[in-house]
PDB file of N, CA and C in Angstrom:
ATOM      1  N   UNK A   1     -62.074 -20.964  16.019  1.00  0.00           N
ATOM      2  CA  UNK A   1     -61.968 -21.824  17.172  1.00  0.00           C
ATOM      3  C   UNK A   1     -61.293 -21.054  18.300  1.00  0.00           C
ATOM      4  N   UNK A   2     -61.897 -21.052  19.437  1.00  0.00           N
ATOM      5  CA  UNK A   2     -61.368 -20.380  20.608  1.00  0.00           C
ATOM      6  C   UNK A   2     -60.514 -21.371  21.392  1.00  0.00           C
ATOM      7  N   UNK A   3     -59.211 -21.084  21.532  1.00  0.00           N
ATOM      8  CA  UNK A   3     -58.335 -21.982  22.264  1.00  0.00           C
ATOM      9  C   UNK A   3     -57.764 -21.285  23.482  1.00  0.00           C
ATOM     10  N   UNK A   4     -57.518 -22.059  24.512  1.00  0.00           N
ATOM     11  CA  UNK A   4     -56.944 -21.544  25.740  1.00  0.00           C
ATOM     12  C   UNK A   4     -55.656 -22.327  25.999  1.00  0.00           C
ATOM     13  N   UNK A   5     -54.539 -21.618  26.068  1.00  0.00           N
ATOM     14  CA  UNK A   5     -53.268 -22.285  26.306  1.00  0.00           C
ATOM     15  C   UNK A   5     -52.998 -22.365  27.807  1.00  0.00           C
ATOM     16  N   UNK A   6     -52.512 -23.494  28.214  1.00  0.00           N
ATOM     17  CA  UNK A   6     -52.115 -23.685  29.603  1.00  0.00           C
ATOM     18  C   UNK A   6     -50.630 -24.011  29.626  1.00  0.00           C
ATOM     19  N   UNK A   7     -49.951 -23.505  30.640  1.00  0.00           N
ATOM     20  CA  UNK A   7     -48.534 -23.826  30.819  1.00  0.00           C
ATOM     21  C   UNK A   7     -48.357 -24.478  32.185  1.00  0.00           C
ATOM     22  N   UNK A   8     -47.711 -25.610  32.187  1.00  0.00           N
ATOM     23  CA  UNK A   8     -47.358 -26.234  33.446  1.00  0.00           C
ATOM     24  C   UNK A   8     -46.167 -25.485  34.022  1.00  0.00           C
ATOM     25  N   UNK A   9     -46.139 -25.330  35.343  1.00  0.00           N
ATOM     26  CA  UNK A   9     -44.993 -24.686  35.966  1.00  0.00           C
ATOM     27  C   UNK A   9     -44.533 -25.504  37.158  1.00  0.00           C
ATOM     28  N   UNK A  10     -43.290 -25.268  37.514  1.00  0.00           N
ATOM     29  CA  UNK A  10     -42.698 -25.924  38.670  1.00  0.00           C
ATOM     30  C   UNK A  10     -41.869 -24.899  39.410  1.00  0.00           C
ATOM     31  N   UNK A  11     -41.969 -24.864  40.729  1.00  0.00           N
ATOM     32  CA  UNK A  11     -41.180 -23.967  41.559  1.00  0.00           C
ATOM     33  C   UNK A  11     -40.135 -24.787  42.295  1.00  0.00           C
ATOM     34  N   UNK A  12     -38.894 -24.301  42.291  1.00  0.00           N
ATOM     35  CA  UNK A  12     -37.796 -25.028  42.917  1.00  0.00           C
ATOM     36  C   UNK A  12     -36.959 -24.097  43.778  1.00  0.00           C
ATOM     37  N   UNK A  13     -36.155 -24.699  44.669  1.00  0.00           N
ATOM     38  CA  UNK A  13     -35.185 -23.911  45.419  1.00  0.00           C
ATOM     39  C   UNK A  13     -33.844 -23.958  44.691  1.00  0.00           C
ATOM     40  N   UNK A  14     -32.815 -23.362  45.260  1.00  0.00           N
ATOM     41  CA  UNK A  14     -31.516 -23.296  44.586  1.00  0.00           C
ATOM     42  C   UNK A  14     -30.860 -24.662  44.412  1.00  0.00           C
ATOM     43  N   UNK A  15     -31.236 -25.636  45.216  1.00  0.00           N
ATOM     44  CA  UNK A  15     -30.676 -26.993  45.104  1.00  0.00           C
ATOM     45  C   UNK A  15     -31.435 -27.859  44.114  1.00  0.00           C
ATOM     46  N   UNK A  16     -32.489 -27.319  43.491  1.00  0.00           N
ATOM     47  CA  UNK A  16     -33.285 -28.081  42.535  1.00  0.00           C
ATOM     48  C   UNK A  16     -34.402 -28.883  43.169  1.00  0.00           C
ATOM     49  N   UNK A  17     -34.635 -28.696  44.467  1.00  0.00           N
ATOM     50  CA  UNK A  17     -35.726 -29.397  45.142  1.00  0.00           C
ATOM     51  C   UNK A  17     -37.060 -28.811  44.693  1.00  0.00           C
ATOM     52  N   UNK A  18     -37.978 -29.661  44.249  1.00  0.00           N
ATOM     53  CA  UNK A  18     -39.294 -29.200  43.796  1.00  0.00           C
ATOM     54  C   UNK A  18     -40.135 -28.787  45.004  1.00  0.00           C
ATOM     55  N   UNK A  19     -40.634 -27.536  44.981  1.00  0.00           N
ATOM     56  CA  UNK A  19     -41.434 -27.007  46.078  1.00  0.00           C
ATOM     57  C   UNK A  19     -42.925 -26.968  45.756  1.00  0.00           C
ATOM     58  N   UNK A  20     -43.269 -26.826  44.479  1.00  0.00           N
ATOM     59  CA  UNK A  20     -44.678 -26.773  44.077  1.00  0.00           C
ATOM     60  C   UNK A  20     -44.775 -26.951  42.569  1.00  0.00           C
ATOM     61  N   UNK A  21     -45.955 -27.381  42.107  1.00  0.00           N
ATOM     62  CA  UNK A  21     -46.213 -27.366  40.669  1.00  0.00           C
ATOM     63  C   UNK A  21     -47.691 -27.141  40.422  1.00  0.00           C
ATOM     64  N   UNK A  22     -47.990 -26.672  39.204  1.00  0.00           N
ATOM     65  CA  UNK A  22     -49.369 -26.360  38.871  1.00  0.00           C
ATOM     66  C   UNK A  22     -49.506 -25.922  37.426  1.00  0.00           C
ATOM     67  N   UNK A  23     -50.560 -25.121  37.169  1.00  0.00           N
ATOM     68  CA  UNK A  23     -50.906 -24.694  35.824  1.00  0.00           C
ATOM     69  C   UNK A  23     -51.066 -23.172  35.803  1.00  0.00           C
ATOM     70  N   UNK A  24     -50.455 -22.537  34.793  1.00  0.00           N
ATOM     71  CA  UNK A  24     -50.582 -21.104  34.567  1.00  0.00           C
ATOM     72  C   UNK A  24     -51.392 -20.913  33.297  1.00  0.00           C
ATOM     73  N   UNK A  25     -52.457 -20.131  33.373  1.00  0.00           N
ATOM     74  CA  UNK A  25     -53.329 -19.877  32.228  1.00  0.00           C
ATOM     75  C   UNK A  25     -52.981 -18.538  31.589  1.00  0.00           C
ATOM     76  N   UNK A  26     -53.265 -18.390  30.296  1.00  0.00           N
ATOM     77  CA  UNK A  26     -52.966 -17.155  29.567  1.00  0.00           C
ATOM     78  C   UNK A  26     -53.604 -15.925  30.213  1.00  0.00           C
ATOM     79  N   UNK A  27     -54.761 -16.093  30.813  1.00  0.00           N
ATOM     80  CA  UNK A  27     -55.458 -14.963  31.445  1.00  0.00           C
ATOM     81  C   UNK A  27     -54.715 -14.457  32.673  1.00  0.00           C
ATOM     82  N   UNK A  28     -53.736 -15.241  33.174  1.00  0.00           N
ATOM     83  CA  UNK A  28     -52.957 -14.829  34.332  1.00  0.00           C
ATOM     84  C   UNK A  28     -53.282 -15.584  35.601  1.00  0.00           C
ATOM     85  N   UNK A  29     -54.424 -16.255  35.634  1.00  0.00           N
ATOM     86  CA  UNK A  29     -54.755 -16.990  36.846  1.00  0.00           C
ATOM     87  C   UNK A  29     -53.929 -18.271  36.936  1.00  0.00           C
ATOM     88  N   UNK A  30     -53.782 -18.774  38.159  1.00  0.00           N
ATOM     89  CA  UNK A  30     -52.886 -19.880  38.445  1.00  0.00           C
ATOM     90  C   UNK A  30     -53.607 -20.911  39.301  1.00  0.00           C
ATOM     91  N   UNK A  31     -53.349 -22.176  39.029  1.00  0.00           N
ATOM     92  CA  UNK A  31     -53.864 -23.268  39.856  1.00  0.00           C
ATOM     93  C   UNK A  31     -52.655 -24.056  40.371  1.00  0.00           C
ATOM     94  N   UNK A  32     -52.512 -24.139  41.684  1.00  0.00           N
ATOM     95  CA  UNK A  32     -51.449 -24.921  42.301  1.00  0.00           C
ATOM     96  C   UNK A  32     -52.008 -26.308  42.573  1.00  0.00           C
ATOM     97  N   UNK A  33     -51.344 -27.326  42.020  1.00  0.00           N
ATOM     98  CA  UNK A  33     -51.826 -28.697  42.150  1.00  0.00           C
ATOM     99  C   UNK A  33     -51.123 -29.466  43.261  1.00  0.00           C
ATOM    100  N   UNK A  34     -49.897 -29.090  43.579  1.00  0.00           N
ATOM    101  CA  UNK A  34     -49.125 -29.781  44.611  1.00  0.00           C
ATOM    102  C   UNK A  34     -48.128 -28.829  45.240  1.00  0.00           C
ATOM    103  N   UNK A  35     -47.981 -28.926  46.566  1.00  0.00           N
ATOM    104  CA  UNK A  35     -46.994 -28.147  47.314  1.00  0.00           C
ATOM    105  C   UNK A  35     -46.263 -29.072  48.265  1.00  0.00           C
ATOM    106  N   UNK A  36     -44.984 -28.881  48.425  1.00  0.00           N
ATOM    107  CA  UNK A  36     -44.188 -29.731  49.302  1.00  0.00           C
ATOM    108  C   UNK A  36     -44.681 -29.652  50.750  1.00  0.00           C
ATOM    109  N   UNK A  37     -45.192 -28.510  51.163  1.00  0.00           N
ATOM    110  CA  UNK A  37     -45.633 -28.342  52.547  1.00  0.00           C
ATOM    111  C   UNK A  37     -47.086 -28.760  52.790  1.00  0.00           C
ATOM    112  N   UNK A  38     -47.859 -29.030  51.743  1.00  0.00           N
ATOM    113  CA  UNK A  38     -49.268 -29.394  51.900  1.00  0.00           C
ATOM    114  C   UNK A  38     -49.660 -30.671  51.172  1.00  0.00           C
ATOM    115  N   UNK A  39     -48.856 -31.120  50.248  1.00  0.00           N
ATOM    116  CA  UNK A  39     -49.220 -32.276  49.432  1.00  0.00           C
ATOM    117  C   UNK A  39     -50.127 -31.837  48.296  1.00  0.00           C
ATOM    118  N   UNK A  40     -50.981 -32.762  47.846  1.00  0.00           N
ATOM    119  CA  UNK A  40     -51.887 -32.447  46.733  1.00  0.00           C
ATOM    120  C   UNK A  40     -52.939 -31.450  47.185  1.00  0.00           C
ATOM    121  N   UNK A  41     -53.203 -30.466  46.345  1.00  0.00           N
ATOM    122  CA  UNK A  41     -54.121 -29.385  46.670  1.00  0.00           C
ATOM    123  C   UNK A  41     -54.760 -28.874  45.384  1.00  0.00           C
ATOM    124  N   UNK A  42     -55.675 -27.967  45.500  1.00  0.00           N
ATOM    125  CA  UNK A  42     -56.309 -27.351  44.326  1.00  0.00           C
ATOM    126  C   UNK A  42     -56.522 -25.874  44.627  1.00  0.00           C
ATOM    127  N   UNK A  43     -55.434 -25.178  44.866  1.00  0.00           N
ATOM    128  CA  UNK A  43     -55.504 -23.761  45.205  1.00  0.00           C
ATOM    129  C   UNK A  43     -55.558 -22.908  43.952  1.00  0.00           C
ATOM    130  N   UNK A  44     -56.376 -21.872  43.992  1.00  0.00           N
ATOM    131  CA  UNK A  44     -56.537 -20.944  42.867  1.00  0.00           C
ATOM    132  C   UNK A  44     -55.999 -19.569  43.265  1.00  0.00           C
ATOM    133  N   UNK A  45     -55.241 -18.952  42.382  1.00  0.00           N
ATOM    134  CA  UNK A  45     -54.706 -17.622  42.633  1.00  0.00           C
ATOM    135  C   UNK A  45     -54.938 -16.746  41.406  1.00  0.00           C
ATOM    136  N   UNK A  46     -55.019 -15.443  41.631  1.00  0.00           N
ATOM    137  CA  UNK A  46     -55.281 -14.500  40.550  1.00  0.00           C
ATOM    138  C   UNK A  46     -54.042 -14.188  39.726  1.00  0.00           C
ATOM    139  N   UNK A  47     -52.854 -14.401  40.295  1.00  0.00           N
ATOM    140  CA  UNK A  47     -51.629 -14.111  39.548  1.00  0.00           C
ATOM    141  C   UNK A  47     -50.475 -14.966  40.047  1.00  0.00           C
ATOM    142  N   UNK A  48     -49.464 -15.059  39.239  1.00  0.00           N
ATOM    143  CA  UNK A  48     -48.281 -15.822  39.595  1.00  0.00           C
ATOM    144  C   UNK A  48     -47.522 -15.167  40.742  1.00  0.00           C
ATOM    145  N   UNK A  49     -47.600 -13.844  40.853  1.00  0.00           N
ATOM    146  CA  UNK A  49     -46.919 -13.145  41.949  1.00  0.00           C
ATOM    147  C   UNK A  49     -47.362 -13.663  43.301  1.00  0.00           C
ATOM    148  N   UNK A  50     -48.640 -13.945  43.451  1.00  0.00           N
ATOM    149  CA  UNK A  50     -49.144 -14.461  44.721  1.00  0.00           C
ATOM    150  C   UNK A  50     -48.588 -15.852  45.019  1.00  0.00           C
ATOM    151  N   UNK A  51     -48.390 -16.645  44.011  1.00  0.00           N
ATOM    152  CA  UNK A  51     -47.849 -17.988  44.177  1.00  0.00           C
ATOM    153  C   UNK A  51     -46.383 -17.931  44.598  1.00  0.00           C
ATOM    154  N   UNK A  52     -45.634 -16.993  44.035  1.00  0.00           N
ATOM    155  CA  UNK A  52     -44.213 -16.881  44.372  1.00  0.00           C
ATOM    156  C   UNK A  52     -43.995 -16.511  45.830  1.00  0.00           C
ATOM    157  N   UNK A  53     -44.997 -15.931  46.475  1.00  0.00           N
ATOM    158  CA  UNK A  53     -44.907 -15.571  47.892  1.00  0.00           C
ATOM    159  C   UNK A  53     -45.412 -16.682  48.810  1.00  0.00           C
ATOM    160  N   UNK A  54     -45.745 -17.842  48.271  1.00  0.00           N
ATOM    161  CA  UNK A  54     -46.280 -18.934  49.082  1.00  0.00           C
ATOM    162  C   UNK A  54     -45.331 -19.409  50.167  1.00  0.00           C
ATOM    163  N   UNK A  55     -44.081 -19.589  49.788  1.00  0.00           N
ATOM    164  CA  UNK A  55     -43.120 -20.137  50.732  1.00  0.00           C
ATOM    165  C   UNK A  55     -41.746 -19.536  50.482  1.00  0.00           C
ATOM    166  N   UNK A  56     -40.924 -19.470  51.535  1.00  0.00           N
ATOM    167  CA  UNK A  56     -39.572 -18.950  51.340  1.00  0.00           C
ATOM    168  C   UNK A  56     -38.723 -19.956  50.578  1.00  0.00           C
ATOM    169  N   UNK A  57     -37.719 -19.470  49.902  1.00  0.00           N
ATOM    170  CA  UNK A  57     -36.769 -20.344  49.249  1.00  0.00           C
ATOM    171  C   UNK A  57     -37.013 -20.587  47.776  1.00  0.00           C
ATOM    172  N   UNK A  58     -38.102 -20.082  47.216  1.00  0.00           N
ATOM    173  CA  UNK A  58     -38.346 -20.259  45.783  1.00  0.00           C
ATOM    174  C   UNK A  58     -37.372 -19.388  45.008  1.00  0.00           C
ATOM    175  N   UNK A  59     -36.551 -20.016  44.190  1.00  0.00           N
ATOM    176  CA  UNK A  59     -35.589 -19.275  43.382  1.00  0.00           C
ATOM    177  C   UNK A  59     -35.690 -19.597  41.900  1.00  0.00           C
ATOM    178  N   UNK A  60     -36.392 -20.680  41.551  1.00  0.00           N
ATOM    179  CA  UNK A  60     -36.485 -21.101  40.153  1.00  0.00           C
ATOM    180  C   UNK A  60     -37.947 -21.299  39.775  1.00  0.00           C
ATOM    181  N   UNK A  61     -38.340 -20.734  38.652  1.00  0.00           N
ATOM    182  CA  UNK A  61     -39.668 -20.951  38.077  1.00  0.00           C
ATOM    183  C   UNK A  61     -39.462 -21.576  36.711  1.00  0.00           C
ATOM    184  N   UNK A  62     -39.914 -22.803  36.537  1.00  0.00           N
ATOM    185  CA  UNK A  62     -39.797 -23.494  35.251  1.00  0.00           C
ATOM    186  C   UNK A  62     -41.171 -23.527  34.590  1.00  0.00           C
ATOM    187  N   UNK A  63     -41.237 -23.124  33.326  1.00  0.00           N
ATOM    188  CA  UNK A  63     -42.474 -23.154  32.552  1.00  0.00           C
ATOM    189  C   UNK A  63     -42.352 -24.177  31.431  1.00  0.00           C
ATOM    190  N   UNK A  64     -43.449 -24.876  31.174  1.00  0.00           N
ATOM    191  CA  UNK A  64     -43.488 -25.851  30.088  1.00  0.00           C
ATOM    192  C   UNK A  64     -44.745 -25.605  29.276  1.00  0.00           C
ATOM    193  N   UNK A  65     -44.592 -25.407  27.955  1.00  0.00           N
ATOM    194  CA  UNK A  65     -45.756 -25.221  27.086  1.00  0.00           C
ATOM    195  C   UNK A  65     -46.539 -26.518  26.975  1.00  0.00           C
ATOM    196  N   UNK A  66     -47.841 -26.393  26.926  1.00  0.00           N
ATOM    197  CA  UNK A  66     -48.709 -27.541  26.708  1.00  0.00           C
ATOM    198  C   UNK A  66     -49.566 -27.263  25.488  1.00  0.00           C
ATOM    199  N   UNK A  67     -50.240 -28.262  25.013  1.00  0.00           N
ATOM    200  CA  UNK A  67     -51.128 -28.109  23.859  1.00  0.00           C
ATOM    201  C   UNK A  67     -52.291 -27.190  24.202  1.00  0.00           C
ATOM    202  N   UNK A  68     -52.759 -26.370  23.256  1.00  0.00           N
ATOM    203  CA  UNK A  68     -53.946 -25.547  23.499  1.00  0.00           C
ATOM    204  C   UNK A  68     -55.159 -26.410  23.793  1.00  0.00           C
ATOM    205  N   UNK A  69     -56.008 -25.931  24.680  1.00  0.00           N
ATOM    206  CA  UNK A  69     -57.247 -26.631  25.013  1.00  0.00           C
ATOM    207  C   UNK A  69     -58.334 -26.195  24.053  1.00  0.00           C
ATOM    208  N   UNK A  70     -58.994 -27.116  23.393  1.00  0.00           N
ATOM    209  CA  UNK A  70     -60.051 -26.751  22.451  1.00  0.00           C
ATOM    210  C   UNK A  70     -61.366 -26.592  23.197  1.00  0.00           C
ATOM    211  N   UNK A  71     -62.340 -25.986  22.543  1.00  0.00           N
ATOM    212  CA  UNK A  71     -63.667 -25.806  23.141  1.00  0.00           C
ATOM    213  C   UNK A  71     -64.299 -27.148  23.517  1.00  0.00           C
ATOM    214  N   UNK A  72     -64.023 -28.192  22.750  1.00  0.00           N
ATOM    215  CA  UNK A  72     -64.617 -29.497  23.025  1.00  0.00           C
ATOM    216  C   UNK A  72     -64.037 -30.180  24.239  1.00  0.00           C
ATOM    217  N   UNK A  73     -62.863 -29.754  24.696  1.00  0.00           N
ATOM    218  CA  UNK A  73     -62.215 -30.376  25.852  1.00  0.00           C
ATOM    219  C   UNK A  73     -62.705 -29.803  27.166  1.00  0.00           C
ATOM    220  N   UNK A  74     -63.512 -28.772  27.133  1.00  0.00           N
ATOM    221  CA  UNK A  74     -63.948 -28.120  28.374  1.00  0.00           C
ATOM    222  C   UNK A  74     -65.031 -28.908  29.048  1.00  0.00           C
TER     223      UNK A  74
END
């Protein structure tokens, strides 16, 4: 069975204010689902490094493991 793990992430500033959240895939690509400066979005990036440069003030990256996605869920 081929599984793909996704990790939810959240970007915060030093005060704990949420600046963005999205999904990080094992392959390295990233999907930003929400940004404080744009609202709900569906931005795609090739790496997390590009996401960290989105806005000034990002100091915290929180990762959360999620269940693996099965072939049938695609």
